[in-house]
Protein backbone atom coordinates (compact mmCIF):
# COMPACT_ATOMS: atom_id res chain seq x y z
CA MET A 1 85.81 136.53 76.41
CA SER A 2 83.95 132.88 76.14
CA LYS A 3 81.36 132.06 77.72
CA LYS A 4 81.67 129.01 80.22
CA VAL A 5 79.42 126.29 79.66
CA ILE A 6 77.86 124.43 82.72
CA THR A 7 76.45 121.06 82.10
CA SER A 8 74.13 119.12 84.88
CA LEU A 9 73.50 115.70 85.25
CA LEU A 10 69.51 117.23 84.98
CA THR A 11 70.09 118.36 81.38
CA LEU A 12 71.67 115.81 79.90
CA PRO A 13 70.48 113.91 77.09
CA VAL A 14 69.14 110.40 77.71
CA GLU A 15 71.45 108.23 75.67
CA LEU A 16 74.28 110.59 77.81
CA VAL A 17 72.92 109.85 81.37
CA TYR A 18 72.47 106.07 80.05
CA ARG A 19 75.94 106.17 79.25
CA ILE A 20 77.13 107.14 83.00
CA LEU A 21 74.71 104.39 84.83
CA ASP A 22 76.32 102.26 82.75
CA ASN A 23 79.58 102.80 84.26
CA LEU A 24 77.93 102.85 87.86
CA ASP A 25 77.23 99.81 90.14
CA GLU A 26 73.68 99.17 91.31
CA LEU A 27 74.11 100.39 95.08
CA SER A 28 75.39 103.44 93.72
CA ILE A 29 72.18 103.74 90.79
CA LEU A 30 69.83 103.24 93.69
CA LEU A 31 71.82 105.66 96.27
CA SER A 32 72.84 108.52 94.23
CA ILE A 33 70.67 108.10 91.25
CA ARG A 34 67.12 107.31 92.06
CA ASN A 35 64.61 109.46 93.80
CA VAL A 36 67.06 113.14 92.97
CA CYS A 37 64.19 114.29 90.76
CA THR A 38 61.36 113.21 88.79
CA ARG A 39 63.55 113.69 85.09
CA LEU A 40 66.10 110.67 86.58
CA ASN A 41 63.73 108.70 88.25
CA ALA A 42 61.91 108.29 84.61
CA ILE A 43 65.54 107.87 82.88
CA THR A 44 66.10 105.18 85.32
CA ASP A 45 63.01 103.42 84.59
CA THR A 46 63.59 103.13 81.23
CA TYR A 47 66.99 102.18 81.96
CA HIS A 48 67.92 98.38 80.67
CA ARG A 49 69.78 97.31 84.16
CA TYR A 50 67.24 98.88 85.92
CA GLN A 51 64.44 97.38 84.66
CA THR A 52 66.08 93.64 84.61
CA MET A 53 67.32 94.27 88.36
CA SER A 54 65.95 90.90 89.98
CA ALA A 55 68.58 90.19 92.48
CA LEU A 56 70.97 92.78 94.60
CA ASP A 57 74.09 91.37 95.74
CA LEU A 58 75.22 93.90 98.28
CA LYS A 59 77.22 91.57 100.94
CA PHE A 60 80.58 92.63 102.57
CA ARG A 61 79.76 96.41 101.61
CA LYS A 62 80.49 97.36 105.15
CA ILE A 63 76.54 99.01 105.01
CA HIS A 64 75.39 100.57 107.94
CA ASP A 65 71.91 101.30 109.01
CA GLN A 66 71.93 104.60 107.89
CA THR A 67 72.47 103.39 104.42
CA ILE A 68 70.04 100.65 104.83
CA LYS A 69 66.95 103.63 105.09
CA CYS A 70 68.02 105.37 102.00
CA LEU A 71 68.19 101.69 100.20
CA VAL A 72 64.66 100.95 101.09
CA THR A 73 63.84 104.36 100.64
CA VAL A 74 64.68 103.98 96.70
CA LEU A 75 63.34 100.01 96.66
CA HIS A 76 59.44 100.69 97.93
CA THR A 77 59.05 101.88 93.99
CA ASN A 78 61.16 98.57 92.53
CA LYS A 79 58.74 96.26 90.97
CA THR A 80 61.65 93.66 89.77
CA LEU A 81 64.08 93.03 92.55
CA THR A 82 63.33 89.73 93.88
CA THR A 83 66.88 88.73 95.49
CA LEU A 84 68.45 90.66 98.22
CA ASP A 85 72.07 89.89 99.57
CA LEU A 86 73.02 91.77 102.65
CA ALA A 87 75.11 89.62 104.10
CA GLN A 88 78.25 90.03 105.94
CA ASN A 89 77.47 93.72 106.85
CA TYR A 90 76.68 96.30 109.86
CA ILE A 91 72.98 96.35 110.22
CA SER A 92 71.68 95.96 113.25
CA ILE A 93 68.52 96.94 115.53
CA GLU A 94 67.69 100.12 113.45
CA GLY A 95 68.62 98.64 110.31
CA ALA A 96 66.29 95.80 110.95
CA GLN A 97 63.23 98.28 111.80
CA TYR A 98 63.55 99.90 108.51
CA ILE A 99 63.89 96.88 106.57
CA MET A 100 60.67 95.48 108.67
CA ASN A 101 58.74 98.47 107.27
CA PHE A 102 59.84 97.63 103.66
CA LEU A 103 58.65 94.23 104.01
CA LYS A 104 55.01 95.18 105.49
CA ILE A 105 54.53 96.64 102.29
CA ASN A 106 56.63 94.89 99.65
CA THR A 107 55.22 92.71 97.90
CA ILE A 108 58.15 91.50 95.24
CA LEU A 109 61.08 90.10 97.11
CA THR A 110 61.26 86.61 98.43
CA ILE A 111 64.89 85.81 99.22
CA LEU A 112 66.22 88.04 101.84
CA HIS A 113 69.63 86.96 103.21
CA LEU A 114 71.03 88.82 106.13
CA ASN A 115 73.44 86.48 107.72
CA TRP A 116 76.10 87.90 109.71
CA ASN A 117 75.28 91.40 110.59
CA LYS A 118 74.57 92.37 114.07
CA ILE A 119 70.67 92.06 114.40
CA GLY A 120 70.44 90.54 117.54
CA THR A 121 67.51 89.89 119.86
CA GLU A 122 65.45 92.87 119.34
CA GLY A 123 66.21 93.42 115.63
CA VAL A 124 64.64 89.60 115.11
CA GLN A 125 61.58 91.20 116.92
CA TYR A 126 61.32 93.83 114.04
CA LEU A 127 61.54 91.10 111.21
CA SER A 128 59.17 88.88 113.22
CA ASN A 129 56.75 91.49 113.06
CA ALA A 130 57.31 92.32 109.46
CA LEU A 131 56.50 88.56 108.72
CA TYR A 132 52.96 88.93 110.21
CA ASN A 133 52.16 91.21 106.95
CA ASN A 134 54.64 89.92 104.50
CA THR A 135 52.87 87.59 101.85
CA THR A 136 55.73 87.17 99.57
CA LEU A 137 58.96 86.14 101.26
CA LYS A 138 59.80 82.44 100.94
CA VAL A 139 63.57 82.52 102.30
CA LEU A 140 64.85 84.55 105.44
CA ASP A 141 68.41 83.89 106.22
CA LEU A 142 69.69 85.04 109.89
CA GLY A 143 72.51 83.11 110.47
CA GLY A 144 74.87 84.49 112.82
CA ASN A 145 73.34 87.16 114.46
CA CYS A 146 73.18 85.99 117.87
CA ILE A 147 69.64 85.92 118.26
CA GLY A 148 69.48 83.66 120.98
CA ASP A 149 66.45 81.79 122.50
CA GLU A 150 64.31 84.59 122.50
CA GLY A 151 65.13 85.46 118.78
CA ALA A 152 63.61 82.15 118.21
CA ARG A 153 60.85 82.89 120.08
CA TYR A 154 59.76 85.67 118.17
CA LEU A 155 60.17 84.04 114.65
CA ALA A 156 58.16 81.13 115.90
CA ASN A 157 54.96 83.20 116.77
CA ALA A 158 55.44 84.44 113.19
CA LEU A 159 55.59 80.99 111.55
CA LYS A 160 51.94 79.98 113.11
CA ASN A 161 50.66 82.71 110.94
CA ASN A 162 52.91 83.41 108.01
CA THR A 163 51.87 81.20 104.89
CA THR A 164 54.41 81.97 102.62
CA LEU A 165 57.81 81.60 104.09
CA THR A 166 59.32 78.03 103.24
CA THR A 167 62.81 78.28 104.43
CA LEU A 168 64.48 80.07 107.71
CA ILE A 169 68.62 79.44 108.07
CA LEU A 170 69.55 80.26 111.74
CA CYS A 171 72.62 78.52 112.02
CA GLU A 172 75.26 80.05 114.77
CA ASN A 173 72.47 81.99 116.82
CA ARG A 174 73.24 80.64 120.07
CA ILE A 175 69.79 78.77 120.15
CA THR A 176 69.24 75.93 122.85
CA ALA A 177 66.65 73.32 123.54
CA GLU A 178 64.50 76.16 124.70
CA GLY A 179 64.45 77.99 121.09
CA ALA A 180 64.08 74.99 119.63
CA TYR A 181 60.85 74.44 121.79
CA HIS A 182 59.58 77.53 120.49
CA LEU A 183 60.50 76.67 117.13
CA ALA A 184 58.95 73.08 117.37
CA ASN A 185 55.63 75.22 118.20
CA GLY A 186 55.89 77.16 115.24
CA LEU A 187 56.06 74.42 112.90
CA ARG A 188 53.66 72.08 113.97
CA ASP A 189 50.62 73.56 112.40
CA ASN A 190 52.53 75.48 109.93
CA THR A 191 51.80 73.71 105.97
CA THR A 192 53.90 75.84 103.99
CA PHE A 193 57.21 76.05 105.82
CA THR A 194 59.54 73.64 104.36
CA MET A 195 63.33 74.01 105.50
CA LEU A 196 64.78 74.84 109.12
CA HIS A 197 68.75 74.99 109.07
CA LEU A 198 69.77 74.84 112.67
CA ASN A 199 73.48 74.28 112.36
CA CYS A 200 75.96 74.82 114.61
CA ASN A 201 73.58 75.80 117.78
CA SER A 202 73.32 73.89 121.27
CA ILE A 203 69.43 72.26 121.12
CA GLY A 204 70.81 68.90 122.61
CA ASN A 205 69.02 66.04 122.85
CA GLU A 206 65.78 68.08 124.56
CA GLY A 207 65.94 70.56 121.57
CA ALA A 208 65.92 67.23 119.05
CA GLN A 209 63.06 65.67 120.90
CA TYR A 210 61.23 69.29 120.52
CA LEU A 211 61.89 69.04 116.83
CA ALA A 212 61.76 65.31 116.26
CA ASN A 213 57.92 65.55 117.86
CA ALA A 214 56.99 68.34 115.67
CA LEU A 215 58.31 66.15 112.67
CA LYS A 216 55.43 63.74 114.19
CA ASN A 217 52.69 66.17 113.05
CA ASN A 218 54.24 68.48 110.66
CA ILE A 219 53.19 68.00 106.98
CA SER A 220 55.44 70.41 104.98
CA VAL A 221 58.68 70.42 105.98
CA THR A 222 61.20 68.19 103.86
CA THR A 223 64.45 69.55 104.91
CA LEU A 224 65.85 69.75 108.68
CA ILE A 225 69.66 70.63 108.90
CA ILE A 226 70.84 70.24 112.68
CA SER A 227 74.64 69.26 112.44
CA ARG A 228 76.78 70.31 115.26
CA ASN A 229 74.49 70.41 118.21
CA GLN A 230 75.31 68.19 120.28
CA ILE A 231 72.64 65.48 120.15
CA GLY A 232 73.86 61.87 121.29
CA LEU A 233 71.80 58.50 122.04
CA GLU A 234 68.32 60.41 123.26
CA GLY A 235 68.03 62.66 120.77
CA THR A 236 68.74 60.37 117.78
CA ARG A 237 66.12 57.71 119.67
CA TYR A 238 63.60 61.17 119.10
CA PHE A 239 64.44 61.54 115.34
CA ALA A 240 64.62 57.41 115.05
CA ASN A 241 60.85 57.57 116.53
CA ALA A 242 59.83 60.54 113.95
CA LEU A 243 61.15 58.50 110.88
CA ARG A 244 58.40 55.74 111.64
CA ASN A 245 55.91 57.92 110.88
CA ASN A 246 57.07 60.82 108.56
CA THR A 247 55.84 60.96 105.35
CA MET A 248 57.41 64.41 104.35
CA LEU A 249 61.11 64.72 105.53
CA LYS A 250 63.44 64.22 102.40
CA ILE A 251 66.98 65.35 103.90
CA LEU A 252 67.85 65.12 107.44
CA ASP A 253 71.66 65.99 108.47
CA LEU A 254 72.61 64.90 111.33
CA ALA A 255 76.57 65.15 111.01
CA HIS A 256 79.03 67.01 113.60
CA ASN A 257 77.16 65.13 116.66
CA ARG A 258 78.02 62.56 119.44
CA ILE A 259 76.33 59.49 117.12
CA ASP A 260 77.09 55.91 118.14
CA ASN A 261 76.72 52.63 117.00
CA GLU A 262 74.16 52.12 119.74
CA SER A 263 72.31 55.56 118.55
CA ILE A 264 72.82 54.63 114.67
CA GLN A 265 71.32 51.23 115.44
CA LEU A 266 67.97 53.38 116.19
CA ILE A 267 68.20 54.95 112.62
CA ALA A 268 68.79 52.02 110.95
CA ASN A 269 65.71 50.65 112.51
CA ALA A 270 63.40 53.12 111.69
CA LEU A 271 65.31 53.20 107.85
CA GLN A 272 63.52 49.86 107.19
CA ASN A 273 60.20 51.36 107.07
CA ASN A 274 60.85 54.77 106.13
CA THR A 275 60.31 55.47 101.99
CA THR A 276 60.54 59.01 101.92
CA LEU A 277 63.81 60.01 103.17
CA THR A 278 66.45 60.46 100.55
CA THR A 279 69.53 62.61 102.01
CA LEU A 280 70.96 61.41 105.77
CA HIS A 281 74.12 63.44 106.61
CA LEU A 282 76.58 61.25 109.13
CA GLY A 283 79.41 62.60 108.53
CA TRP A 284 82.10 63.45 111.48
CA ASN A 285 80.02 61.33 114.32
CA GLN A 286 81.48 58.10 115.88
CA ILE A 287 79.70 55.72 114.10
CA GLY A 288 82.28 52.31 113.69
CA THR A 289 82.39 49.51 111.63
CA GLU A 290 78.86 47.73 113.73
CA GLY A 291 77.16 50.79 112.95
CA THR A 292 77.75 50.94 108.83
CA HIS A 293 77.07 47.31 109.15
CA SER A 294 73.64 48.01 110.83
CA LEU A 295 73.14 51.07 107.84
CA ALA A 296 73.65 49.24 105.27
CA ASN A 297 71.69 46.18 106.16
CA ALA A 298 68.54 48.71 106.76
CA LEU A 299 68.95 50.41 103.37
CA GLU A 300 69.07 46.71 101.57
CA THR A 301 65.70 46.16 102.89
CA ASN A 302 64.40 49.97 102.25
CA SER A 303 62.71 50.50 98.73
CA VAL A 304 64.56 53.79 98.29
CA ASN A 305 67.22 52.74 96.92
CA ARG A 306 69.15 56.08 96.50
CA ILE A 307 69.54 56.47 100.00
CA LEU A 308 72.36 54.58 99.90
CA TYR A 309 74.53 56.39 97.28
CA ILE A 310 73.93 59.60 99.19
CA ILE A 311 74.95 58.55 102.35
CA MET A 312 77.81 56.61 100.95
CA ILE A 313 79.20 60.49 99.80
CA VAL A 314 78.36 62.69 102.85
CA ALA A 315 79.27 59.99 105.50
CA ARG A 316 82.68 58.91 105.17
CA THR A 317 82.63 56.21 107.49
CA LEU A 318 80.14 54.47 105.10
CA PHE A 319 82.21 54.69 102.06
CA ASN A 320 83.58 51.18 101.83
CA ILE A 321 79.73 49.58 103.01
CA GLY A 322 77.88 51.36 100.10
CA THR A 323 80.95 50.79 97.55
CA HIS A 324 79.96 47.43 98.63
CA ASN A 325 76.33 47.04 98.43
CA SER A 326 75.88 49.58 95.52
CA GLY A 327 78.13 46.88 93.34
CA SER A 328 76.06 43.97 94.04
């Protein structure tokens, strides 16, 4: 009677384990192979895909909080991962707490996408706490997580102390003027932060005032995206005043707001003196012929000629004016 041979992954030659790993995706390797035993950890440590894993794309994977708990546990010892994309999953408050603990000790990760999860206000409080200690994360995407004004306050307080984060994406988060007030306070003295993305919120004219005032003093923000925020004449006036003195802002997105001819005249006047702004998004506003002429005249006297080309592309109402002036 022949003996039955039972083969275990724990006793297979290294080359065969490599073959098995070749047929697994990154998440399976991390959750099924790592931390099983010392031998498998040693093998994966020398496996080329693990050694070179700098980005991990886990969006749309139906990941829940318990999966996050397992994932961050195995990532504690990883020395290569710089980008982690967990967008469009089911991460909630509990998962945010696990991520907080991970970020407090991680010194490798620089980009973290958590957009379109279920983190909420309490969850973002955990993540904000992590930003007090983390010294490597540069980009944090929390779009579509319903963090509200209170969540914006937690993040703003963290920005007062964090000197590493450069980009914060908070689109579609139910942030109003109150949240804009907190964020403006957080940005006022921060000298490393460069990009704030607030698309599809409800900051209105009052929120625009807070952010515009922050721009007067901030020396680092180069990109501000506030499209779809119900900003009208008064809000535009605040930004126009800020543009007269600000020497850092390069990109300003005001698309899909309530900007009309009178509002655009204020921007046009400010552009005559501003020599820093290179991209101005004004598409899908209520700008007519009078407004486009005002902008065109301002751009003729502005030394940063590339502004004209970019506006021509992003604001449909300026196409004819831009084409005429670029050919003159």
